[in-house]
Amino acid sequence: MPLGANPSTSPPYSYSTSSSSLLHLKPSLNPSSPMSIPQILTLTLVLLASTTSVAADQVHELLKSHGLPAGLLPKSVASFSFSPDTGLLEVTLDSPCYAKYDGLAYFDRVVRGNLSYGELEGVVGLKQEELFVWLPVKGILVSNPSSGVILFDIGLARKQLSLSLFEVPPDCTPEDEAGAISMVVANDDAGSLGRKGRNQSQHRKKMF
């Protein structure tokens, strides 16, 4: 500590941004500025909330800087890592969840893929519902932004959607709050596909 410095003015906590764009809390060991346990808990919660918000903002900006819409990932990003050398992007959400675009999308807690300009390939952790079947998204491509179209590789085919659906990061309903989607199918042991579809549609209206 420099001569003449007043230790009581040193903040009890500080935070810094690491190379992986994640914030890390660093507790101060300065004994001259004690804090009560409630104060420490409150400050920790505030900083953790700020960390989550910053991580979400940064990964959404990262997508946009690579020619992809920010709304490909939901708001509930807890942390992420990105390697410019390999292009590997790994995103951790608060929890597995469902988001609504033109239809339903399901995000695992960890979503990863190889990011390059206009493309996210080798995607793991993202599924889209097609005719009541959940299909894994393998890749996402924006080859011509002026066309207003984004392509999703769902294995069997490439699905074409409007870019405008993905401009804003969506809210994401946690899986434990939206589990009735799968429960409807499991409990409907005597119903037809059409009946299941009506039940699922009614549930989605309640969810969103």
Protein backbone atom coordinates (compact mmCIF):
# COMPACT_ATOMS: atom_id res chain seq x y z
CA MET A 1 0.00 0.00 0.00
CA PRO A 2 1.43 3.45 -0.92
CA LEU A 3 2.46 5.72 1.94
CA GLY A 4 -0.32 8.05 3.00
CA ALA A 5 -3.09 5.87 1.54
CA ASN A 6 -6.22 5.60 3.62
CA PRO A 7 -7.12 1.89 3.97
CA SER A 8 -10.71 2.74 4.91
CA THR A 9 -11.36 4.02 1.39
CA SER A 10 -10.48 0.68 -0.26
CA PRO A 11 -13.59 -1.14 -1.57
CA PRO A 12 -14.36 -4.43 0.19
CA TYR A 13 -14.94 -6.15 -3.15
CA SER A 14 -13.80 -5.51 -6.69
CA TYR A 15 -14.34 -7.31 -9.96
CA SER A 16 -12.40 -7.67 -13.17
CA THR A 17 -13.01 -9.12 -16.63
CA SER A 18 -10.93 -12.18 -17.54
CA SER A 19 -9.77 -13.18 -21.00
CA SER A 20 -12.87 -15.39 -21.35
CA SER A 21 -15.10 -12.36 -20.79
CA LEU A 22 -16.35 -13.69 -17.47
CA LEU A 23 -16.43 -11.59 -14.33
CA HIS A 24 -14.81 -12.88 -11.18
CA LEU A 25 -15.38 -11.50 -7.70
CA LYS A 26 -12.27 -10.79 -5.68
CA PRO A 27 -12.81 -10.36 -1.92
CA SER A 28 -10.66 -7.74 -0.27
CA LEU A 29 -8.53 -8.90 2.63
CA ASN A 30 -8.39 -5.42 4.13
CA PRO A 31 -9.23 -5.88 7.85
CA SER A 32 -9.81 -2.17 8.38
CA SER A 33 -13.11 -2.17 6.47
CA PRO A 34 -15.20 -4.93 8.07
CA MET A 35 -18.68 -5.71 6.73
CA SER A 36 -21.56 -7.45 8.37
CA ILE A 37 -22.73 -10.81 7.02
CA PRO A 38 -26.00 -9.34 5.63
CA GLN A 39 -24.01 -6.63 3.84
CA ILE A 40 -21.64 -9.19 2.34
CA LEU A 41 -24.54 -11.39 1.16
CA THR A 42 -26.36 -8.42 -0.35
CA LEU A 43 -23.27 -7.17 -2.15
CA THR A 44 -22.48 -10.65 -3.43
CA LEU A 45 -25.99 -11.08 -4.85
CA VAL A 46 -25.82 -7.68 -6.54
CA LEU A 47 -22.44 -8.45 -8.10
CA LEU A 48 -23.55 -11.91 -9.22
CA ALA A 49 -26.62 -10.40 -10.90
CA SER A 50 -24.38 -7.86 -12.59
CA THR A 51 -22.04 -10.65 -13.71
CA THR A 52 -24.91 -12.56 -15.35
CA SER A 53 -26.20 -9.43 -17.08
CA VAL A 54 -22.75 -8.53 -18.43
CA ALA A 55 -22.11 -12.09 -19.66
CA ALA A 56 -25.45 -12.10 -21.51
CA ASP A 57 -24.80 -8.72 -23.11
CA GLN A 58 -21.31 -9.75 -24.18
CA VAL A 59 -22.28 -13.04 -25.80
CA HIS A 60 -25.16 -11.39 -27.66
CA GLU A 61 -22.75 -8.73 -28.94
CA LEU A 62 -20.33 -11.51 -29.91
CA LEU A 63 -23.01 -13.11 -32.07
CA LYS A 64 -23.78 -9.79 -33.78
CA SER A 65 -20.08 -9.12 -34.44
CA HIS A 66 -20.02 -12.46 -36.27
CA GLY A 67 -22.98 -11.68 -38.50
CA LEU A 68 -25.58 -13.59 -36.47
CA PRO A 69 -28.63 -12.21 -34.65
CA ALA A 70 -28.39 -11.70 -30.88
CA GLY A 71 -31.66 -13.56 -30.31
CA LEU A 72 -30.19 -16.95 -31.18
CA LEU A 73 -29.48 -17.22 -27.46
CA PRO A 74 -31.96 -16.37 -24.70
CA LYS A 75 -31.59 -13.71 -22.02
CA SER A 76 -30.74 -16.21 -19.29
CA VAL A 77 -27.01 -16.56 -20.05
CA ALA A 78 -25.01 -17.17 -16.87
CA SER A 79 -21.55 -17.35 -18.45
CA PHE A 80 -19.74 -18.18 -21.66
CA SER A 81 -16.33 -18.87 -23.12
CA PHE A 82 -15.08 -18.29 -26.65
CA SER A 83 -11.79 -19.25 -28.28
CA PRO A 84 -10.90 -17.03 -31.27
CA ASP A 85 -8.30 -19.61 -32.29
CA THR A 86 -10.67 -22.58 -32.62
CA GLY A 87 -13.99 -20.74 -32.83
CA LEU A 88 -15.43 -22.86 -30.03
CA LEU A 89 -18.26 -21.05 -28.25
CA GLU A 90 -19.66 -22.57 -25.06
CA VAL A 91 -22.59 -20.90 -23.32
CA THR A 92 -23.98 -21.82 -19.90
CA LEU A 93 -27.56 -20.82 -19.11
CA ASP A 94 -29.18 -20.46 -15.71
CA SER A 95 -31.06 -23.71 -16.38
CA PRO A 96 -32.45 -25.79 -19.27
CA CYS A 97 -35.36 -23.86 -20.75
CA TYR A 98 -37.91 -23.33 -23.52
CA ALA A 99 -38.06 -20.23 -25.74
CA LYS A 100 -40.65 -19.24 -28.32
CA TYR A 101 -39.74 -18.09 -31.83
CA ASP A 102 -42.03 -19.21 -34.68
CA GLY A 103 -42.41 -22.37 -32.60
CA LEU A 104 -40.78 -23.78 -29.48
CA ALA A 105 -37.04 -24.19 -29.02
CA TYR A 106 -35.38 -26.11 -26.21
CA PHE A 107 -32.00 -25.09 -24.77
CA ASP A 108 -29.88 -27.42 -22.65
CA ARG A 109 -28.09 -25.76 -19.76
CA VAL A 110 -24.89 -25.83 -21.86
CA VAL A 111 -25.02 -24.92 -25.56
CA ARG A 112 -21.92 -25.08 -27.71
CA GLY A 113 -20.87 -24.77 -31.33
CA ASN A 114 -18.10 -23.55 -33.62
CA LEU A 115 -18.59 -19.87 -34.39
CA SER A 116 -17.42 -18.25 -37.59
CA TYR A 117 -18.75 -15.26 -39.51
CA GLY A 118 -22.40 -15.85 -40.39
CA GLU A 119 -22.40 -19.42 -39.11
CA LEU A 120 -22.62 -21.56 -35.98
CA GLU A 121 -21.88 -25.18 -36.85
CA GLY A 122 -21.56 -28.38 -34.88
CA VAL A 123 -24.26 -27.13 -32.52
CA VAL A 124 -24.95 -29.16 -29.38
CA GLY A 125 -27.64 -28.39 -26.83
CA LEU A 126 -30.39 -26.84 -28.98
CA LYS A 127 -33.57 -28.48 -30.32
CA GLN A 128 -36.61 -27.26 -32.26
CA GLU A 129 -40.09 -28.73 -32.22
CA GLU A 130 -41.36 -29.89 -35.60
CA LEU A 131 -44.78 -31.61 -35.78
CA PHE A 132 -44.58 -32.56 -32.08
CA VAL A 133 -41.11 -34.09 -32.53
CA TRP A 134 -37.98 -32.51 -31.03
CA LEU A 135 -35.19 -32.34 -33.62
CA PRO A 136 -31.61 -31.34 -32.75
CA VAL A 137 -30.30 -28.21 -34.44
CA LYS A 138 -26.94 -29.09 -35.98
CA GLY A 139 -26.06 -25.76 -37.57
CA ILE A 140 -27.22 -22.17 -38.11
CA LEU A 141 -26.35 -20.09 -41.18
CA VAL A 142 -26.87 -16.52 -42.37
CA SER A 143 -25.31 -16.53 -45.82
CA ASN A 144 -26.92 -13.32 -47.07
CA PRO A 145 -28.08 -10.87 -44.38
CA SER A 146 -29.85 -8.67 -46.92
CA SER A 147 -32.18 -11.57 -47.73
CA GLY A 148 -33.63 -11.40 -44.22
CA VAL A 149 -33.39 -15.18 -43.96
CA ILE A 150 -31.67 -17.51 -41.49
CA LEU A 151 -31.21 -21.24 -42.10
CA PHE A 152 -31.36 -24.00 -39.46
CA ASP A 153 -29.86 -27.40 -40.19
CA ILE A 154 -32.14 -29.87 -38.40
CA GLY A 155 -30.56 -32.98 -39.91
CA LEU A 156 -33.35 -34.01 -42.26
CA ALA A 157 -33.48 -30.65 -43.98
CA ARG A 158 -32.64 -26.97 -43.69
CA LYS A 159 -35.39 -24.87 -42.21
CA GLN A 160 -35.69 -21.29 -43.46
CA LEU A 161 -36.92 -18.61 -41.04
CA SER A 162 -37.11 -14.84 -40.94
CA LEU A 163 -34.14 -13.08 -39.33
CA SER A 164 -36.58 -10.70 -37.65
CA LEU A 165 -37.65 -13.52 -35.30
CA PHE A 166 -34.18 -13.50 -33.75
CA GLU A 167 -33.40 -9.81 -33.40
CA VAL A 168 -34.11 -9.70 -29.66
CA PRO A 169 -32.95 -12.33 -27.13
CA PRO A 170 -36.09 -14.11 -25.92
CA ASP A 171 -37.23 -14.93 -22.41
CA CYS A 172 -36.69 -18.60 -21.62
CA THR A 173 -39.06 -20.61 -19.42
CA PRO A 174 -37.09 -22.98 -17.13
CA GLU A 175 -37.66 -26.65 -17.81
CA ASP A 176 -39.00 -27.31 -14.31
CA GLU A 177 -41.73 -24.73 -14.95
CA ALA A 178 -42.54 -25.96 -18.46
CA GLY A 179 -42.27 -29.72 -17.99
CA ALA A 180 -45.95 -30.22 -18.74
CA ILE A 181 -45.08 -30.25 -22.45
CA SER A 182 -43.64 -33.76 -22.09
CA MET A 183 -46.16 -34.71 -19.38
CA VAL A 184 -49.06 -34.05 -21.78
CA VAL A 185 -47.72 -36.68 -24.15
CA ALA A 186 -46.91 -39.14 -21.37
CA ASN A 187 -50.35 -38.86 -19.74
CA ASP A 188 -52.31 -38.96 -22.98
CA ASP A 189 -52.00 -42.75 -23.35
CA ALA A 190 -55.36 -43.12 -25.09
CA GLY A 191 -55.22 -40.08 -27.35
CA SER A 192 -54.37 -39.68 -30.99
CA LEU A 193 -51.62 -37.45 -32.39
CA GLY A 194 -54.23 -34.80 -33.14
CA ARG A 195 -55.48 -34.84 -29.57
CA LYS A 196 -51.94 -34.57 -28.24
CA GLY A 197 -51.34 -31.65 -30.56
CA ARG A 198 -54.39 -29.82 -29.23
CA ASN A 199 -53.29 -30.42 -25.63
CA GLN A 200 -49.77 -29.21 -26.35
CA SER A 201 -51.09 -26.15 -28.14
CA GLN A 202 -53.30 -25.28 -25.17
CA HIS A 203 -50.35 -25.70 -22.80
CA ARG A 204 -48.11 -23.48 -24.93
CA LYS A 205 -50.70 -20.72 -24.80
CA LYS A 206 -50.61 -20.93 -21.02
CA MET A 207 -46.81 -20.89 -20.95
CA PHE A 208 -46.30 -17.95 -23.25
